[in-house]
Amino acid sequence: MTTHNGAIVTLDPRDDAPPAPSRLAQRPATLDGKVIGLFSNNKPHSEDLLRRIAAIIGERYDIAGTVEHNKGGWQWPARIEDLQRTAQSIDVAIHATAE
């Protein structure tokens, strides 16, 4: 909210730009033999949640392993360089936030 000539003006914080076109990533037929990327945003318990999800997946599939990445904070997006480097060593990715 701001004032202009004594009047209160309410600002709309929503972005009115149209969303960029996107599509979902293709899903593998199975997670057997796959490396799973676990992306945390550094909120409390997010890494615990991701590890538990990976453990459940590991009970159902013969996964090749996991790679963890913590972007360091929820306030900003992950660095493109970090995402690209991690993407080279994983087959699928899971992102989580947990309080």
N, C-alpha and C. Protein backbone atom coordinates (compact mmCIF):
# COMPACT_ATOMS: atom_id res chain seq x y z
N MET A 1 0.84 -1.17 0.00
CA MET A 1 0.00 0.00 0.00
C MET A 1 0.88 1.24 0.00
N THR A 2 0.43 2.25 -0.67
CA THR A 2 1.16 3.51 -0.73
C THR A 2 0.14 4.65 -0.74
N THR A 3 0.61 5.84 -0.51
CA THR A 3 -0.30 6.99 -0.55
C THR A 3 0.06 7.87 -1.74
N HIS A 4 -0.96 8.47 -2.32
CA HIS A 4 -0.78 9.38 -3.45
C HIS A 4 -1.79 10.50 -3.30
N ASN A 5 -1.32 11.72 -3.07
CA ASN A 5 -2.20 12.88 -2.85
C ASN A 5 -3.21 12.63 -1.74
N GLY A 6 -2.76 11.96 -0.68
CA GLY A 6 -3.63 11.71 0.46
C GLY A 6 -4.53 10.51 0.31
N ALA A 7 -4.58 9.90 -0.86
CA ALA A 7 -5.41 8.71 -1.08
C ALA A 7 -4.55 7.46 -0.90
N ILE A 8 -5.16 6.42 -0.39
CA ILE A 8 -4.47 5.14 -0.24
C ILE A 8 -4.63 4.36 -1.54
N VAL A 9 -3.51 3.93 -2.08
CA VAL A 9 -3.51 3.15 -3.32
C VAL A 9 -3.04 1.75 -2.99
N THR A 10 -3.83 0.76 -3.33
CA THR A 10 -3.46 -0.64 -3.10
C THR A 10 -2.84 -1.18 -4.38
N LEU A 11 -1.63 -1.73 -4.25
CA LEU A 11 -0.93 -2.28 -5.40
C LEU A 11 -1.18 -3.78 -5.49
N ASP A 12 -1.33 -4.28 -6.69
CA ASP A 12 -1.54 -5.71 -6.93
C ASP A 12 -0.18 -6.35 -7.20
N PRO A 13 0.30 -7.23 -6.31
CA PRO A 13 1.64 -7.80 -6.49
C PRO A 13 1.71 -8.94 -7.51
N ARG A 14 0.57 -9.35 -8.03
CA ARG A 14 0.58 -10.47 -8.98
C ARG A 14 1.17 -10.05 -10.32
N ASP A 15 1.86 -10.96 -10.93
CA ASP A 15 2.44 -10.72 -12.25
C ASP A 15 1.36 -10.92 -13.30
N ASP A 16 1.20 -9.97 -14.19
CA ASP A 16 0.18 -10.11 -15.23
C ASP A 16 0.76 -10.61 -16.55
N ALA A 17 2.05 -10.94 -16.55
CA ALA A 17 2.66 -11.49 -17.76
C ALA A 17 2.16 -12.91 -17.98
N PRO A 18 1.92 -13.27 -19.23
CA PRO A 18 1.46 -14.65 -19.49
C PRO A 18 2.58 -15.64 -19.14
N PRO A 19 2.22 -16.80 -18.63
CA PRO A 19 3.25 -17.79 -18.27
C PRO A 19 3.98 -18.29 -19.52
N ALA A 20 5.24 -18.58 -19.34
CA ALA A 20 6.04 -19.11 -20.45
C ALA A 20 5.56 -20.52 -20.77
N PRO A 21 5.53 -20.88 -22.04
CA PRO A 21 5.12 -22.25 -22.39
C PRO A 21 6.10 -23.25 -21.81
N SER A 22 5.58 -24.34 -21.33
CA SER A 22 6.44 -25.38 -20.76
C SER A 22 5.77 -26.74 -20.97
N ARG A 23 6.54 -27.77 -20.74
CA ARG A 23 5.99 -29.12 -20.84
C ARG A 23 6.63 -29.97 -19.76
N LEU A 24 5.95 -31.02 -19.39
CA LEU A 24 6.47 -31.93 -18.38
C LEU A 24 7.60 -32.77 -18.95
N ALA A 25 8.55 -33.10 -18.11
CA ALA A 25 9.63 -33.98 -18.53
C ALA A 25 9.08 -35.38 -18.76
N GLN A 26 9.69 -36.10 -19.67
CA GLN A 26 9.27 -37.47 -19.94
C GLN A 26 9.66 -38.34 -18.75
N ARG A 27 8.74 -39.19 -18.31
CA ARG A 27 9.00 -40.07 -17.17
C ARG A 27 9.59 -41.39 -17.64
N PRO A 28 10.55 -41.91 -16.86
CA PRO A 28 11.09 -43.23 -17.22
C PRO A 28 10.05 -44.31 -16.94
N ALA A 29 10.14 -45.41 -17.66
CA ALA A 29 9.21 -46.53 -17.46
C ALA A 29 9.38 -47.15 -16.09
N THR A 30 10.61 -47.12 -15.55
CA THR A 30 10.90 -47.67 -14.23
C THR A 30 12.00 -46.85 -13.58
N LEU A 31 12.11 -46.96 -12.28
CA LEU A 31 13.21 -46.30 -11.56
C LEU A 31 14.36 -47.27 -11.30
N ASP A 32 14.20 -48.53 -11.71
CA ASP A 32 15.29 -49.50 -11.56
C ASP A 32 16.53 -48.99 -12.29
N GLY A 33 17.67 -49.00 -11.59
CA GLY A 33 18.93 -48.59 -12.19
C GLY A 33 19.10 -47.09 -12.35
N LYS A 34 18.17 -46.30 -11.85
CA LYS A 34 18.23 -44.85 -12.01
C LYS A 34 18.89 -44.18 -10.80
N VAL A 35 19.53 -43.04 -11.07
CA VAL A 35 20.08 -42.19 -10.01
C VAL A 35 19.08 -41.07 -9.78
N ILE A 36 18.70 -40.87 -8.52
CA ILE A 36 17.68 -39.89 -8.17
C ILE A 36 18.36 -38.66 -7.56
N GLY A 37 18.04 -37.49 -8.11
CA GLY A 37 18.53 -36.23 -7.56
C GLY A 37 17.55 -35.72 -6.53
N LEU A 38 18.06 -35.35 -5.36
CA LEU A 38 17.23 -34.84 -4.27
C LEU A 38 17.57 -33.36 -4.08
N PHE A 39 16.63 -32.47 -4.38
CA PHE A 39 16.88 -31.04 -4.33
C PHE A 39 16.16 -30.41 -3.13
N SER A 40 16.94 -29.89 -2.20
CA SER A 40 16.41 -29.26 -1.00
C SER A 40 16.54 -27.75 -1.12
N ASN A 41 15.59 -27.04 -0.49
CA ASN A 41 15.69 -25.58 -0.48
C ASN A 41 16.15 -25.05 0.88
N ASN A 42 16.68 -25.93 1.72
CA ASN A 42 17.29 -25.57 3.00
C ASN A 42 16.28 -25.23 4.09
N LYS A 43 14.99 -25.46 3.85
CA LYS A 43 14.02 -25.27 4.93
C LYS A 43 14.16 -26.43 5.91
N PRO A 44 13.80 -26.19 7.18
CA PRO A 44 13.93 -27.26 8.17
C PRO A 44 13.20 -28.53 7.71
N HIS A 45 13.86 -29.63 7.86
CA HIS A 45 13.32 -30.96 7.58
C HIS A 45 13.22 -31.32 6.09
N SER A 46 13.56 -30.42 5.18
CA SER A 46 13.42 -30.76 3.76
C SER A 46 14.38 -31.89 3.36
N GLU A 47 15.60 -31.87 3.87
CA GLU A 47 16.54 -32.96 3.54
C GLU A 47 16.07 -34.27 4.15
N ASP A 48 15.54 -34.23 5.38
CA ASP A 48 15.00 -35.45 6.00
C ASP A 48 13.86 -36.02 5.15
N LEU A 49 12.95 -35.15 4.71
CA LEU A 49 11.83 -35.59 3.89
C LEU A 49 12.32 -36.24 2.60
N LEU A 50 13.27 -35.59 1.93
CA LEU A 50 13.79 -36.14 0.67
C LEU A 50 14.46 -37.49 0.89
N ARG A 51 15.22 -37.63 1.95
CA ARG A 51 15.89 -38.91 2.23
C ARG A 51 14.88 -40.00 2.53
N ARG A 52 13.80 -39.66 3.21
CA ARG A 52 12.76 -40.66 3.49
C ARG A 52 12.04 -41.07 2.21
N ILE A 53 11.77 -40.11 1.35
CA ILE A 53 11.15 -40.43 0.07
C ILE A 53 12.06 -41.34 -0.74
N ALA A 54 13.36 -41.01 -0.77
CA ALA A 54 14.32 -41.84 -1.50
C ALA A 54 14.38 -43.25 -0.91
N ALA A 55 14.29 -43.36 0.41
CA ALA A 55 14.31 -44.69 1.04
C ALA A 55 13.08 -45.50 0.64
N ILE A 56 11.92 -44.87 0.59
CA ILE A 56 10.70 -45.56 0.17
C ILE A 56 10.82 -46.00 -1.28
N ILE A 57 11.32 -45.11 -2.13
CA ILE A 57 11.53 -45.48 -3.54
C ILE A 57 12.51 -46.64 -3.63
N GLY A 58 13.57 -46.60 -2.80
CA GLY A 58 14.57 -47.67 -2.80
C GLY A 58 14.03 -49.02 -2.36
N GLU A 59 12.94 -49.02 -1.58
CA GLU A 59 12.30 -50.27 -1.19
C GLU A 59 11.50 -50.87 -2.36
N ARG A 60 11.05 -50.03 -3.26
CA ARG A 60 10.21 -50.48 -4.37
C ARG A 60 10.99 -50.71 -5.66
N TYR A 61 12.12 -50.03 -5.80
CA TYR A 61 12.91 -50.12 -7.03
C TYR A 61 14.37 -50.35 -6.67
N ASP A 62 15.10 -50.92 -7.60
CA ASP A 62 16.53 -51.14 -7.44
C ASP A 62 17.28 -49.93 -7.99
N ILE A 63 17.22 -48.81 -7.25
CA ILE A 63 17.84 -47.57 -7.73
C ILE A 63 19.36 -47.67 -7.66
N ALA A 64 20.03 -46.93 -8.53
CA ALA A 64 21.50 -46.93 -8.57
C ALA A 64 22.09 -46.03 -7.50
N GLY A 65 21.30 -45.12 -6.95
CA GLY A 65 21.80 -44.23 -5.91
C GLY A 65 21.08 -42.90 -5.91
N THR A 66 21.55 -42.01 -5.04
CA THR A 66 20.97 -40.68 -4.95
C THR A 66 22.09 -39.64 -4.96
N VAL A 67 21.75 -38.45 -5.41
CA VAL A 67 22.64 -37.30 -5.38
C VAL A 67 21.87 -36.18 -4.71
N GLU A 68 22.43 -35.61 -3.64
CA GLU A 68 21.74 -34.55 -2.91
C GLU A 68 22.29 -33.18 -3.31
N HIS A 69 21.38 -32.21 -3.42
CA HIS A 69 21.78 -30.83 -3.69
C HIS A 69 20.93 -29.92 -2.82
N ASN A 70 21.57 -29.07 -2.05
CA ASN A 70 20.88 -28.08 -1.23
C ASN A 70 21.21 -26.72 -1.83
N LYS A 71 20.19 -26.02 -2.29
CA LYS A 71 20.44 -24.74 -2.96
C LYS A 71 20.78 -23.62 -1.99
N GLY A 72 20.74 -23.89 -0.69
CA GLY A 72 21.23 -22.92 0.28
C GLY A 72 20.20 -21.99 0.88
N GLY A 73 19.02 -21.92 0.33
CA GLY A 73 18.00 -21.05 0.90
C GLY A 73 16.75 -21.02 0.05
N TRP A 74 15.62 -20.83 0.69
CA TRP A 74 14.35 -20.81 -0.03
C TRP A 74 14.10 -19.47 -0.70
N GLN A 75 14.88 -18.45 -0.33
CA GLN A 75 14.62 -17.09 -0.81
C GLN A 75 15.01 -16.87 -2.26
N TRP A 76 15.81 -17.72 -2.83
CA TRP A 76 16.30 -17.50 -4.20
C TRP A 76 16.29 -18.81 -4.98
N PRO A 77 16.28 -18.71 -6.29
CA PRO A 77 16.29 -19.93 -7.11
C PRO A 77 17.67 -20.59 -7.09
N ALA A 78 17.69 -21.85 -7.43
CA ALA A 78 18.96 -22.57 -7.54
C ALA A 78 19.77 -21.97 -8.68
N ARG A 79 21.08 -21.99 -8.53
CA ARG A 79 21.95 -21.48 -9.60
C ARG A 79 21.90 -22.43 -10.80
N ILE A 80 21.77 -21.86 -11.97
CA ILE A 80 21.68 -22.65 -13.20
C ILE A 80 22.88 -23.59 -13.33
N GLU A 81 24.07 -23.10 -13.00
CA GLU A 81 25.28 -23.93 -13.12
C GLU A 81 25.17 -25.16 -12.23
N ASP A 82 24.65 -24.99 -11.02
CA ASP A 82 24.49 -26.12 -10.10
C ASP A 82 23.48 -27.12 -10.64
N LEU A 83 22.37 -26.62 -11.17
CA LEU A 83 21.35 -27.51 -11.73
C LEU A 83 21.89 -28.28 -12.93
N GLN A 84 22.61 -27.60 -13.80
CA GLN A 84 23.16 -28.26 -14.98
C GLN A 84 24.19 -29.32 -14.60
N ARG A 85 25.05 -29.00 -13.64
CA ARG A 85 26.07 -29.96 -13.20
C ARG A 85 25.41 -31.19 -12.57
N THR A 86 24.41 -30.97 -11.72
CA THR A 86 23.73 -32.08 -11.07
C THR A 86 22.94 -32.90 -12.09
N ALA A 87 22.31 -32.24 -13.05
CA ALA A 87 21.51 -32.94 -14.06
C ALA A 87 22.34 -33.92 -14.87
N GLN A 88 23.63 -33.68 -15.00
CA GLN A 88 24.49 -34.58 -15.76
C GLN A 88 24.71 -35.92 -15.06
N SER A 89 24.47 -35.96 -13.74
CA SER A 89 24.75 -37.19 -12.99
C SER A 89 23.50 -37.87 -12.45
N ILE A 90 22.30 -37.39 -12.83
CA ILE A 90 21.06 -38.00 -12.34
C ILE A 90 20.14 -38.35 -13.51
N ASP A 91 19.17 -39.22 -13.21
CA ASP A 91 18.17 -39.59 -14.21
C ASP A 91 16.82 -38.94 -13.94
N VAL A 92 16.48 -38.77 -12.67
CA VAL A 92 15.22 -38.14 -12.27
C VAL A 92 15.51 -37.22 -11.08
N ALA A 93 14.61 -36.27 -10.85
CA ALA A 93 14.82 -35.32 -9.75
C ALA A 93 13.56 -35.19 -8.91
N ILE A 94 13.78 -34.98 -7.62
CA ILE A 94 12.69 -34.71 -6.68
C ILE A 94 13.06 -33.45 -5.92
N HIS A 95 12.12 -32.52 -5.83
CA HIS A 95 12.33 -31.29 -5.06
C HIS A 95 11.32 -31.28 -3.93
N ALA A 96 11.75 -30.81 -2.76
CA ALA A 96 10.82 -30.77 -1.63
C ALA A 96 11.10 -29.56 -0.76
N THR A 97 10.05 -29.13 -0.10
CA THR A 97 10.17 -28.14 0.95
C THR A 97 9.41 -28.68 2.14
N ALA A 98 9.94 -28.48 3.31
CA ALA A 98 9.28 -29.00 4.51
C ALA A 98 9.60 -28.09 5.68
N GLU A 99 8.62 -27.80 6.47
CA GLU A 99 8.82 -26.95 7.65
C GLU A 99 9.06 -27.80 8.86
